[in-house]
Amino acid sequence: MTTSAEHDFLAETTDLLRRTPVVLRALLGNIDDAWTGTPDVAGGWRPADVVGHLISAELNNYLARAERILESGTAVPFDTFDRFQHVERDAGRSLDELLDRFESLRKQNLGRLAERISDEDLDRRGMHPALGEVTIRQLLSTWAIHDLDHTAQVFAGMAGSHDAAVGEWKRYLGILLRRDNPAAVPD
């Protein structure tokens, strides 16, 4: 068991971030469209939308914001992040193309992260336009949890694609029951 003194935040966070493209590739690569055509909840995102959104985050969110903190501290707020940028940008692209792009961008960003961010930078502060002051540590933690959140969203969409097929067993499948209560899903 790791004690807090042995805790290596950057290494652990980077390790989780490195796993996301691997998990998504294993889950979604070359899979039949029957598994990927359903959103996680009514009006939600299909797996391809999630991967597209993760690409947008690689292009314009977490690492860009960490670099803004390094360059400007709290003097220059982060640029806003368009959560729906992927909709038009990725129209007509296959899920496998999106997975390739996500994997490539994530690899590049983790390389930049290793080059630019050190333990000494983790408590440096930047300015989020809605949240106010945030630290690099909070930003990187959010990046990792954002990955987990959207990976869960992919699982929910895939499960939903076969919702009717499970019949009466649905009452035992929490992933399908949560789909019926979208109010429980944060925006």
N, C-alpha and C. Protein backbone atom coordinates (compact mmCIF):
# COMPACT_ATOMS: atom_id res chain seq x y z
N MET A 1 0.84 -1.17 0.00
CA MET A 1 0.00 0.00 0.00
C MET A 1 0.89 1.24 0.00
N THR A 2 0.52 2.23 -0.80
CA THR A 2 1.31 3.44 -0.92
C THR A 2 0.91 4.45 0.15
N THR A 3 1.89 5.00 0.84
CA THR A 3 1.60 6.06 1.81
C THR A 3 1.61 7.40 1.10
N SER A 4 1.10 8.42 1.75
CA SER A 4 1.05 9.74 1.12
C SER A 4 2.46 10.24 0.82
N ALA A 5 3.45 9.86 1.62
CA ALA A 5 4.82 10.29 1.37
C ALA A 5 5.37 9.66 0.08
N GLU A 6 4.90 8.47 -0.26
CA GLU A 6 5.37 7.78 -1.45
C GLU A 6 4.53 8.11 -2.69
N HIS A 7 3.44 8.81 -2.50
CA HIS A 7 2.51 9.14 -3.56
C HIS A 7 3.20 9.99 -4.62
N ASP A 8 3.17 9.55 -5.86
CA ASP A 8 3.74 10.31 -6.97
C ASP A 8 2.61 10.74 -7.89
N PHE A 9 2.03 11.89 -7.58
CA PHE A 9 0.85 12.37 -8.27
C PHE A 9 1.03 12.40 -9.79
N LEU A 10 2.11 12.99 -10.26
CA LEU A 10 2.30 13.11 -11.72
C LEU A 10 2.40 11.74 -12.39
N ALA A 11 3.17 10.84 -11.80
CA ALA A 11 3.32 9.51 -12.41
C ALA A 11 2.00 8.75 -12.42
N GLU A 12 1.26 8.81 -11.32
CA GLU A 12 -0.01 8.09 -11.23
C GLU A 12 -1.05 8.67 -12.19
N THR A 13 -1.10 9.99 -12.26
CA THR A 13 -2.07 10.64 -13.15
C THR A 13 -1.72 10.36 -14.60
N THR A 14 -0.45 10.47 -14.94
CA THR A 14 -0.01 10.18 -16.30
C THR A 14 -0.30 8.74 -16.68
N ASP A 15 -0.10 7.83 -15.73
CA ASP A 15 -0.38 6.42 -15.99
C ASP A 15 -1.85 6.21 -16.34
N LEU A 16 -2.74 6.83 -15.59
CA LEU A 16 -4.16 6.69 -15.90
C LEU A 16 -4.48 7.31 -17.26
N LEU A 17 -3.96 8.50 -17.53
CA LEU A 17 -4.21 9.17 -18.81
C LEU A 17 -3.68 8.35 -19.99
N ARG A 18 -2.59 7.65 -19.79
CA ARG A 18 -2.00 6.81 -20.84
C ARG A 18 -2.91 5.61 -21.15
N ARG A 19 -3.67 5.15 -20.16
CA ARG A 19 -4.51 3.97 -20.33
C ARG A 19 -5.79 4.22 -21.12
N THR A 20 -6.30 5.44 -21.10
CA THR A 20 -7.60 5.71 -21.72
C THR A 20 -7.64 5.33 -23.20
N PRO A 21 -6.69 5.76 -24.02
CA PRO A 21 -6.77 5.35 -25.44
C PRO A 21 -6.69 3.83 -25.61
N VAL A 22 -5.94 3.17 -24.74
CA VAL A 22 -5.82 1.71 -24.81
C VAL A 22 -7.17 1.06 -24.51
N VAL A 23 -7.82 1.53 -23.46
CA VAL A 23 -9.13 0.98 -23.07
C VAL A 23 -10.15 1.22 -24.18
N LEU A 24 -10.19 2.45 -24.69
CA LEU A 24 -11.18 2.76 -25.73
C LEU A 24 -10.90 1.98 -27.01
N ARG A 25 -9.64 1.80 -27.35
CA ARG A 25 -9.30 1.01 -28.55
C ARG A 25 -9.73 -0.44 -28.35
N ALA A 26 -9.45 -1.00 -27.19
CA ALA A 26 -9.83 -2.39 -26.93
C ALA A 26 -11.34 -2.56 -26.96
N LEU A 27 -12.05 -1.57 -26.49
CA LEU A 27 -13.51 -1.65 -26.41
C LEU A 27 -14.18 -1.36 -27.74
N LEU A 28 -13.68 -0.38 -28.48
CA LEU A 28 -14.40 0.14 -29.64
C LEU A 28 -13.75 -0.16 -30.99
N GLY A 29 -12.50 -0.53 -31.01
CA GLY A 29 -11.81 -0.74 -32.28
C GLY A 29 -12.44 -1.87 -33.09
N ASN A 30 -12.78 -1.56 -34.32
CA ASN A 30 -13.33 -2.55 -35.26
C ASN A 30 -14.58 -3.25 -34.75
N ILE A 31 -15.34 -2.60 -33.91
CA ILE A 31 -16.55 -3.22 -33.38
C ILE A 31 -17.73 -2.94 -34.31
N ASP A 32 -18.67 -3.83 -34.33
CA ASP A 32 -19.86 -3.65 -35.16
C ASP A 32 -20.65 -2.42 -34.71
N ASP A 33 -21.18 -1.70 -35.67
CA ASP A 33 -21.95 -0.48 -35.38
C ASP A 33 -23.16 -0.75 -34.48
N ALA A 34 -23.62 -1.98 -34.42
CA ALA A 34 -24.76 -2.30 -33.56
C ALA A 34 -24.47 -1.99 -32.09
N TRP A 35 -23.19 -1.97 -31.72
CA TRP A 35 -22.81 -1.68 -30.34
C TRP A 35 -22.57 -0.20 -30.08
N THR A 36 -22.47 0.61 -31.13
CA THR A 36 -22.01 1.99 -30.93
C THR A 36 -22.99 3.06 -31.40
N GLY A 37 -24.19 2.69 -31.80
CA GLY A 37 -25.12 3.65 -32.35
C GLY A 37 -26.08 4.28 -31.37
N THR A 38 -25.95 3.96 -30.10
CA THR A 38 -26.90 4.43 -29.09
C THR A 38 -26.20 5.38 -28.12
N PRO A 39 -26.85 6.51 -27.80
CA PRO A 39 -26.25 7.40 -26.79
C PRO A 39 -26.38 6.82 -25.39
N ASP A 40 -25.60 7.36 -24.47
CA ASP A 40 -25.62 6.88 -23.09
C ASP A 40 -26.97 7.14 -22.42
N VAL A 41 -27.59 8.27 -22.72
CA VAL A 41 -28.93 8.62 -22.24
C VAL A 41 -29.65 9.32 -23.38
N ALA A 42 -30.94 9.48 -23.25
CA ALA A 42 -31.69 10.20 -24.29
C ALA A 42 -31.09 11.59 -24.47
N GLY A 43 -30.75 11.93 -25.70
CA GLY A 43 -30.13 13.21 -25.98
C GLY A 43 -28.64 13.26 -25.66
N GLY A 44 -28.08 12.14 -25.24
CA GLY A 44 -26.66 12.08 -24.86
C GLY A 44 -25.77 11.80 -26.05
N TRP A 45 -24.61 11.25 -25.76
CA TRP A 45 -23.60 11.00 -26.78
C TRP A 45 -23.40 9.52 -27.05
N ARG A 46 -23.20 9.21 -28.32
CA ARG A 46 -22.79 7.88 -28.75
C ARG A 46 -21.28 7.76 -28.51
N PRO A 47 -20.71 6.56 -28.53
CA PRO A 47 -19.28 6.42 -28.33
C PRO A 47 -18.43 7.28 -29.27
N ALA A 48 -18.81 7.42 -30.53
CA ALA A 48 -18.03 8.25 -31.45
C ALA A 48 -18.04 9.71 -31.00
N ASP A 49 -19.16 10.18 -30.46
CA ASP A 49 -19.22 11.55 -29.94
C ASP A 49 -18.26 11.72 -28.76
N VAL A 50 -18.23 10.73 -27.91
CA VAL A 50 -17.34 10.79 -26.74
C VAL A 50 -15.89 10.88 -27.20
N VAL A 51 -15.50 10.03 -28.13
CA VAL A 51 -14.11 10.06 -28.61
C VAL A 51 -13.81 11.40 -29.28
N GLY A 52 -14.76 11.91 -30.05
CA GLY A 52 -14.59 13.23 -30.66
C GLY A 52 -14.41 14.32 -29.61
N HIS A 53 -15.19 14.26 -28.55
CA HIS A 53 -15.07 15.22 -27.46
C HIS A 53 -13.71 15.10 -26.77
N LEU A 54 -13.24 13.88 -26.58
CA LEU A 54 -11.92 13.68 -25.98
C LEU A 54 -10.82 14.25 -26.88
N ILE A 55 -11.00 14.15 -28.19
CA ILE A 55 -10.05 14.77 -29.13
C ILE A 55 -10.04 16.28 -28.93
N SER A 56 -11.22 16.87 -28.82
CA SER A 56 -11.30 18.32 -28.58
C SER A 56 -10.57 18.70 -27.30
N ALA A 57 -10.72 17.90 -26.26
CA ALA A 57 -10.04 18.18 -25.00
C ALA A 57 -8.53 18.09 -25.17
N GLU A 58 -8.06 17.16 -25.99
CA GLU A 58 -6.62 17.06 -26.25
C GLU A 58 -6.12 18.29 -27.00
N LEU A 59 -6.94 18.82 -27.89
CA LEU A 59 -6.54 19.97 -28.70
C LEU A 59 -6.60 21.28 -27.92
N ASN A 60 -7.60 21.45 -27.07
CA ASN A 60 -7.88 22.79 -26.54
C ASN A 60 -8.14 22.89 -25.04
N ASN A 61 -7.96 21.83 -24.29
CA ASN A 61 -8.37 21.94 -22.90
C ASN A 61 -7.22 21.75 -21.93
N TYR A 62 -7.04 20.59 -21.41
CA TYR A 62 -6.22 20.39 -20.23
C TYR A 62 -4.76 20.81 -20.38
N LEU A 63 -4.06 20.29 -21.37
CA LEU A 63 -2.66 20.65 -21.51
C LEU A 63 -2.51 22.12 -21.90
N ALA A 64 -3.38 22.60 -22.77
CA ALA A 64 -3.33 24.02 -23.15
C ALA A 64 -3.52 24.91 -21.92
N ARG A 65 -4.39 24.51 -21.04
CA ARG A 65 -4.63 25.30 -19.83
C ARG A 65 -3.46 25.20 -18.86
N ALA A 66 -2.86 24.04 -18.74
CA ALA A 66 -1.67 23.90 -17.89
C ALA A 66 -0.55 24.80 -18.42
N GLU A 67 -0.39 24.82 -19.74
CA GLU A 67 0.64 25.67 -20.33
C GLU A 67 0.31 27.15 -20.13
N ARG A 68 -0.96 27.50 -20.14
CA ARG A 68 -1.37 28.89 -19.86
C ARG A 68 -0.98 29.28 -18.44
N ILE A 69 -1.16 28.35 -17.50
CA ILE A 69 -0.75 28.64 -16.12
C ILE A 69 0.75 28.87 -16.05
N LEU A 70 1.52 28.02 -16.73
CA LEU A 70 2.98 28.18 -16.70
C LEU A 70 3.40 29.52 -17.29
N GLU A 71 2.71 29.94 -18.33
CA GLU A 71 3.08 31.18 -19.03
C GLU A 71 2.55 32.44 -18.35
N SER A 72 1.32 32.38 -17.82
CA SER A 72 0.66 33.61 -17.37
C SER A 72 0.12 33.58 -15.96
N GLY A 73 0.17 32.44 -15.30
CA GLY A 73 -0.40 32.36 -13.96
C GLY A 73 -1.87 32.72 -14.00
N THR A 74 -2.29 33.59 -13.09
CA THR A 74 -3.70 33.99 -13.02
C THR A 74 -3.98 35.25 -13.85
N ALA A 75 -2.96 35.81 -14.48
CA ALA A 75 -3.11 37.08 -15.21
C ALA A 75 -3.97 36.95 -16.46
N VAL A 76 -3.93 35.79 -17.13
CA VAL A 76 -4.70 35.59 -18.36
C VAL A 76 -5.60 34.37 -18.15
N PRO A 77 -6.92 34.58 -18.15
CA PRO A 77 -7.84 33.44 -17.95
C PRO A 77 -7.74 32.43 -19.09
N PHE A 78 -8.16 31.22 -18.79
CA PHE A 78 -8.21 30.18 -19.82
C PHE A 78 -9.18 30.59 -20.91
N ASP A 79 -8.91 30.11 -22.12
CA ASP A 79 -9.88 30.24 -23.20
C ASP A 79 -11.06 29.34 -22.87
N THR A 80 -12.24 29.70 -23.37
CA THR A 80 -13.39 28.83 -23.16
C THR A 80 -13.21 27.56 -23.96
N PHE A 81 -13.86 26.51 -23.51
CA PHE A 81 -13.76 25.21 -24.17
C PHE A 81 -15.11 24.87 -24.78
N ASP A 82 -15.12 24.64 -26.08
CA ASP A 82 -16.33 24.27 -26.80
C ASP A 82 -16.53 22.76 -26.68
N ARG A 83 -17.44 22.35 -25.81
CA ARG A 83 -17.69 20.93 -25.56
C ARG A 83 -18.29 20.21 -26.76
N PHE A 84 -18.80 20.98 -27.72
CA PHE A 84 -19.49 20.37 -28.86
C PHE A 84 -18.75 20.59 -30.18
N GLN A 85 -17.50 21.00 -30.10
CA GLN A 85 -16.69 21.26 -31.28
C GLN A 85 -16.61 20.03 -32.20
N HIS A 86 -16.67 18.87 -31.63
CA HIS A 86 -16.52 17.63 -32.39
C HIS A 86 -17.66 17.37 -33.36
N VAL A 87 -18.83 17.93 -33.10
CA VAL A 87 -20.02 17.58 -33.88
C VAL A 87 -19.79 17.87 -35.36
N GLU A 88 -19.44 19.08 -35.70
CA GLU A 88 -19.19 19.41 -37.11
C GLU A 88 -17.83 18.91 -37.57
N ARG A 89 -16.82 19.07 -36.73
CA ARG A 89 -15.46 18.70 -37.13
C ARG A 89 -15.35 17.23 -37.52
N ASP A 90 -16.03 16.36 -36.81
CA ASP A 90 -15.86 14.92 -37.01
C ASP A 90 -16.96 14.26 -37.83
N ALA A 91 -17.86 15.04 -38.38
CA ALA A 91 -18.93 14.48 -39.20
C ALA A 91 -18.33 13.65 -40.33
N GLY A 92 -18.80 12.43 -40.47
CA GLY A 92 -18.34 11.55 -41.54
C GLY A 92 -17.08 10.75 -41.24
N ARG A 93 -16.46 10.98 -40.10
CA ARG A 93 -15.26 10.19 -39.75
C ARG A 93 -15.68 8.90 -39.05
N SER A 94 -14.95 7.85 -39.35
CA SER A 94 -15.25 6.57 -38.72
C SER A 94 -14.76 6.56 -37.27
N LEU A 95 -15.33 5.68 -36.49
CA LEU A 95 -14.91 5.53 -35.09
C LEU A 95 -13.43 5.14 -35.03
N ASP A 96 -12.99 4.28 -35.92
CA ASP A 96 -11.58 3.88 -35.91
C ASP A 96 -10.66 5.06 -36.24
N GLU A 97 -11.08 5.94 -37.14
CA GLU A 97 -10.29 7.15 -37.43
C GLU A 97 -10.21 8.03 -36.19
N LEU A 98 -11.31 8.17 -35.50
CA LEU A 98 -11.33 8.99 -34.28
C LEU A 98 -10.43 8.38 -33.20
N LEU A 99 -10.48 7.08 -33.05
CA LEU A 99 -9.61 6.42 -32.07
C LEU A 99 -8.15 6.64 -32.42
N ASP A 100 -7.79 6.55 -33.69
CA ASP A 100 -6.41 6.80 -34.13
C ASP A 100 -5.97 8.22 -33.75
N ARG A 101 -6.84 9.18 -34.04
CA ARG A 101 -6.48 10.57 -33.77
C ARG A 101 -6.36 10.82 -32.27
N PHE A 102 -7.29 10.30 -31.50
CA PHE A 102 -7.22 10.47 -30.05
C PHE A 102 -5.93 9.87 -29.50
N GLU A 103 -5.63 8.67 -29.93
CA GLU A 103 -4.42 7.99 -29.45
C GLU A 103 -3.17 8.81 -29.76
N SER A 104 -3.09 9.32 -30.97
CA SER A 104 -1.93 10.11 -31.39
C SER A 104 -1.82 11.41 -30.58
N LEU A 105 -2.93 12.12 -30.44
CA LEU A 105 -2.91 13.37 -29.69
C LEU A 105 -2.58 13.14 -28.22
N ARG A 106 -3.13 12.10 -27.63
CA ARG A 106 -2.86 11.82 -26.22
C ARG A 106 -1.38 11.51 -26.03
N LYS A 107 -0.80 10.73 -26.93
CA LYS A 107 0.62 10.40 -26.82
C LYS A 107 1.47 11.68 -26.89
N GLN A 108 1.14 12.56 -27.83
CA GLN A 108 1.86 13.83 -27.95
C GLN A 108 1.71 14.66 -26.68
N ASN A 109 0.49 14.75 -26.17
CA ASN A 109 0.24 15.58 -25.00
C ASN A 109 0.92 15.03 -23.74
N LEU A 110 0.97 13.73 -23.60
CA LEU A 110 1.66 13.17 -22.44
C LEU A 110 3.16 13.42 -22.53
N GLY A 111 3.69 13.42 -23.75
CA GLY A 111 5.10 13.80 -23.94
C GLY A 111 5.33 15.25 -23.54
N ARG A 112 4.45 16.14 -23.97
CA ARG A 112 4.57 17.56 -23.60
C ARG A 112 4.40 17.74 -22.10
N LEU A 113 3.46 17.01 -21.52
CA LEU A 113 3.24 17.09 -20.07
C LEU A 113 4.53 16.72 -19.33
N ALA A 114 5.16 15.64 -19.73
CA ALA A 114 6.39 15.19 -19.08
C ALA A 114 7.51 16.22 -19.24
N GLU A 115 7.56 16.88 -20.38
CA GLU A 115 8.60 17.88 -20.63
C GLU A 115 8.36 19.19 -19.89
N ARG A 116 7.09 19.57 -19.70
CA ARG A 116 6.76 20.91 -19.22
C ARG A 116 6.38 20.99 -17.75
N ILE A 117 5.79 19.95 -17.20
CA ILE A 117 5.23 20.03 -15.84
C ILE A 117 6.06 19.17 -14.89
N SER A 118 6.44 19.77 -13.78
CA SER A 118 7.17 19.04 -12.74
C SER A 118 6.38 19.12 -11.43
N ASP A 119 6.81 18.37 -10.45
CA ASP A 119 6.16 18.40 -9.14
C ASP A 119 6.10 19.82 -8.58
N GLU A 120 7.10 20.61 -8.84
CA GLU A 120 7.16 21.97 -8.33
C GLU A 120 6.09 22.87 -8.95
N ASP A 121 5.53 22.47 -10.09
CA ASP A 121 4.51 23.27 -10.77
C ASP A 121 3.09 22.97 -10.31
N LEU A 122 2.88 21.89 -9.58
CA LEU A 122 1.53 21.40 -9.30
C LEU A 122 0.65 22.38 -8.54
N ASP A 123 1.24 23.24 -7.73
CA ASP A 123 0.43 24.19 -6.96
C ASP A 123 0.38 25.57 -7.60
N ARG A 124 0.94 25.70 -8.80
CA ARG A 124 0.83 26.97 -9.51
C ARG A 124 -0.62 27.19 -9.91
N ARG A 125 -1.02 28.45 -9.94
CA ARG A 125 -2.43 28.80 -10.13
C ARG A 125 -2.68 29.47 -11.47
N GLY A 126 -3.88 29.15 -12.00
CA GLY A 126 -4.37 29.81 -13.19
C GLY A 126 -5.79 30.28 -12.95
N MET A 127 -6.36 30.92 -13.97
CA MET A 127 -7.69 31.50 -13.81
C MET A 127 -8.68 30.86 -14.78
N HIS A 128 -9.63 30.11 -14.22
CA HIS A 128 -10.72 29.55 -15.00
C HIS A 128 -11.80 30.61 -15.11
N PRO A 129 -12.39 30.80 -16.31
CA PRO A 129 -13.36 31.88 -16.47
C PRO A 129 -14.61 31.75 -15.60
N ALA A 130 -14.98 30.54 -15.21
CA ALA A 130 -16.18 30.36 -14.38
C ALA A 130 -15.85 29.95 -12.94
N LEU A 131 -14.77 29.22 -12.75
CA LEU A 131 -14.45 28.66 -11.43
C LEU A 131 -13.51 29.53 -10.61
N GLY A 132 -12.85 30.47 -11.25
CA GLY A 132 -11.86 31.28 -10.55
C GLY A 132 -10.51 30.58 -10.53
N GLU A 133 -9.75 30.82 -9.47
CA GLU A 133 -8.40 30.26 -9.39
C GLU A 133 -8.43 28.74 -9.23
N VAL A 134 -7.58 28.09 -10.00
CA VAL A 134 -7.41 26.64 -9.93
C VAL A 134 -5.92 26.34 -10.02
N THR A 135 -5.52 25.17 -9.53
CA THR A 135 -4.12 24.78 -9.60
C THR A 135 -3.90 23.78 -10.73
N ILE A 136 -2.65 23.63 -11.10
CA ILE A 136 -2.31 22.60 -12.09
C ILE A 136 -2.68 21.22 -11.55
N ARG A 137 -2.47 20.99 -10.28
CA ARG A 137 -2.83 19.69 -9.68
C ARG A 137 -4.33 19.42 -9.87
N GLN A 138 -5.17 20.41 -9.60
CA GLN A 138 -6.61 20.26 -9.80
C GLN A 138 -6.95 20.02 -11.27
N LEU A 139 -6.29 20.74 -12.14
CA LEU A 139 -6.51 20.61 -13.57
C LEU A 139 -6.17 19.20 -14.05
N LEU A 140 -5.01 18.69 -13.62
CA LEU A 140 -4.60 17.34 -14.04
C LEU A 140 -5.50 16.27 -13.43
N SER A 141 -5.92 16.47 -12.19
CA SER A 141 -6.87 15.53 -11.57
C SER A 141 -8.17 15.51 -12.35
N THR A 142 -8.63 16.68 -12.75
CA THR A 142 -9.87 16.78 -13.52
C THR A 142 -9.72 16.10 -14.87
N TRP A 143 -8.56 16.23 -15.50
CA TRP A 143 -8.30 15.57 -16.79
C TRP A 143 -8.48 14.05 -16.64
N ALA A 144 -7.89 13.49 -15.59
CA ALA A 144 -7.99 12.04 -15.37
C ALA A 144 -9.43 11.62 -15.08
N ILE A 145 -10.12 12.36 -14.24
CA ILE A 145 -11.49 12.00 -13.90
C ILE A 145 -12.42 12.22 -15.10
N HIS A 146 -12.13 13.22 -15.91
CA HIS A 146 -12.87 13.46 -17.16
C HIS A 146 -12.77 12.21 -18.05
N ASP A 147 -11.59 11.63 -18.14
CA ASP A 147 -11.42 10.39 -18.90
C ASP A 147 -12.30 9.28 -18.34
N LEU A 148 -12.29 9.11 -17.03
CA LEU A 148 -13.10 8.05 -16.41
C LEU A 148 -14.59 8.29 -16.64
N ASP A 149 -15.00 9.53 -16.52
CA ASP A 149 -16.41 9.89 -16.72
C ASP A 149 -16.85 9.53 -18.14
N HIS A 150 -16.05 9.91 -19.12
CA HIS A 150 -16.45 9.64 -20.50
C HIS A 150 -16.28 8.18 -20.89
N THR A 151 -15.36 7.47 -20.26
CA THR A 151 -15.26 6.03 -20.51
C THR A 151 -16.52 5.35 -19.99
N ALA A 152 -17.00 5.76 -18.84
CA ALA A 152 -18.26 5.23 -18.31
C ALA A 152 -19.41 5.55 -19.26
N GLN A 153 -19.38 6.72 -19.87
CA GLN A 153 -20.41 7.11 -20.83
C GLN A 153 -20.40 6.19 -22.04
N VAL A 154 -19.23 5.79 -22.50
CA VAL A 154 -19.12 4.85 -23.62
C VAL A 154 -19.74 3.51 -23.23
N PHE A 155 -19.40 3.02 -22.05
CA PHE A 155 -19.99 1.76 -21.58
C PHE A 155 -21.51 1.85 -21.54
N ALA A 156 -22.03 2.98 -21.04
CA ALA A 156 -23.48 3.13 -20.94
C ALA A 156 -24.14 3.14 -22.31
N GLY A 157 -23.53 3.80 -23.28
CA GLY A 157 -24.08 3.80 -24.64
C GLY A 157 -24.08 2.40 -25.24
N MET A 158 -22.98 1.69 -25.04
CA MET A 158 -22.90 0.33 -25.57
C MET A 158 -23.95 -0.57 -24.92
N ALA A 159 -24.09 -0.46 -23.60
CA ALA A 159 -25.10 -1.26 -22.91
C ALA A 159 -26.49 -0.90 -23.42
N GLY A 160 -26.73 0.38 -23.61
CA GLY A 160 -28.03 0.84 -24.08
C GLY A 160 -28.37 0.33 -25.46
N SER A 161 -27.37 0.05 -26.26
CA SER A 161 -27.63 -0.45 -27.60
C SER A 161 -28.27 -1.84 -27.58
N HIS A 162 -28.18 -2.52 -26.45
CA HIS A 162 -28.78 -3.85 -26.32
C HIS A 162 -29.76 -3.92 -25.15
N ASP A 163 -30.28 -2.76 -24.76
CA ASP A 163 -31.20 -2.64 -23.64
C ASP A 163 -32.38 -3.62 -23.78
N ALA A 164 -33.07 -3.56 -24.90
CA ALA A 164 -34.26 -4.40 -25.09
C ALA A 164 -33.91 -5.88 -25.16
N ALA A 165 -32.70 -6.19 -25.60
CA ALA A 165 -32.32 -7.59 -25.80
C ALA A 165 -32.19 -8.37 -24.49
N VAL A 166 -31.96 -7.68 -23.38
CA VAL A 166 -31.76 -8.41 -22.12
C VAL A 166 -33.07 -8.82 -21.46
N GLY A 167 -34.17 -8.27 -21.93
CA GLY A 167 -35.47 -8.65 -21.38
C GLY A 167 -35.59 -8.35 -19.91
N GLU A 168 -36.13 -9.29 -19.17
CA GLU A 168 -36.41 -9.09 -17.74
C GLU A 168 -35.15 -8.97 -16.88
N TRP A 169 -33.99 -9.38 -17.40
CA TRP A 169 -32.76 -9.26 -16.63
C TRP A 169 -32.36 -7.80 -16.42
N LYS A 170 -32.97 -6.89 -17.14
CA LYS A 170 -32.65 -5.47 -17.01
C LYS A 170 -32.70 -5.02 -15.56
N ARG A 171 -33.64 -5.55 -14.79
CA ARG A 171 -33.80 -5.10 -13.39
C ARG A 171 -32.55 -5.36 -12.55
N TYR A 172 -31.63 -6.21 -13.04
CA TYR A 172 -30.40 -6.51 -12.31
C TYR A 172 -29.17 -5.79 -12.89
N LEU A 173 -29.37 -5.00 -13.91
CA LEU A 173 -28.25 -4.38 -14.63
C LEU A 173 -28.25 -2.87 -14.38
N GLY A 174 -27.50 -2.46 -13.38
CA GLY A 174 -27.45 -1.05 -12.98
C GLY A 174 -27.12 -0.11 -14.11
N ILE A 175 -26.27 -0.51 -15.04
CA ILE A 175 -25.89 0.36 -16.13
C ILE A 175 -27.10 0.71 -17.00
N LEU A 176 -28.04 -0.21 -17.12
CA LEU A 176 -29.25 0.08 -17.89
C LEU A 176 -30.27 0.84 -17.04
N LEU A 177 -30.32 0.56 -15.76
CA LEU A 177 -31.26 1.28 -14.89
C LEU A 177 -30.89 2.76 -14.80
N ARG A 178 -29.60 3.07 -14.77
CA ARG A 178 -29.17 4.47 -14.72
C ARG A 178 -29.56 5.21 -16.00
N ARG A 179 -29.63 4.50 -17.11
CA ARG A 179 -30.03 5.13 -18.38
C ARG A 179 -31.47 5.63 -18.29
N ASP A 180 -32.29 4.96 -17.50
CA ASP A 180 -33.69 5.34 -17.36
C ASP A 180 -33.88 6.53 -16.42
N ASN A 181 -32.82 6.93 -15.72
CA ASN A 181 -32.90 8.05 -14.79
C ASN A 181 -31.85 9.09 -15.14
N PRO A 182 -32.01 9.79 -16.27
CA PRO A 182 -30.98 10.73 -16.70
C PRO A 182 -30.81 11.91 -15.74
N ALA A 183 -31.77 12.15 -14.88
CA ALA A 183 -31.63 13.23 -13.90
C ALA A 183 -30.45 12.96 -12.97
N ALA A 184 -30.08 11.70 -12.83
CA ALA A 184 -28.96 11.33 -11.98
C ALA A 184 -27.62 11.59 -12.66
N VAL A 185 -27.65 11.89 -13.95
CA VAL A 185 -26.41 12.10 -14.70
C VAL A 185 -26.11 13.59 -14.74
N PRO A 186 -24.95 14.01 -14.22
CA PRO A 186 -24.63 15.44 -14.24
C PRO A 186 -24.41 15.94 -15.65
N ASP A 187 -24.70 17.23 -15.85
CA ASP A 187 -24.55 17.86 -17.16
C ASP A 187 -23.11 18.06 -17.54
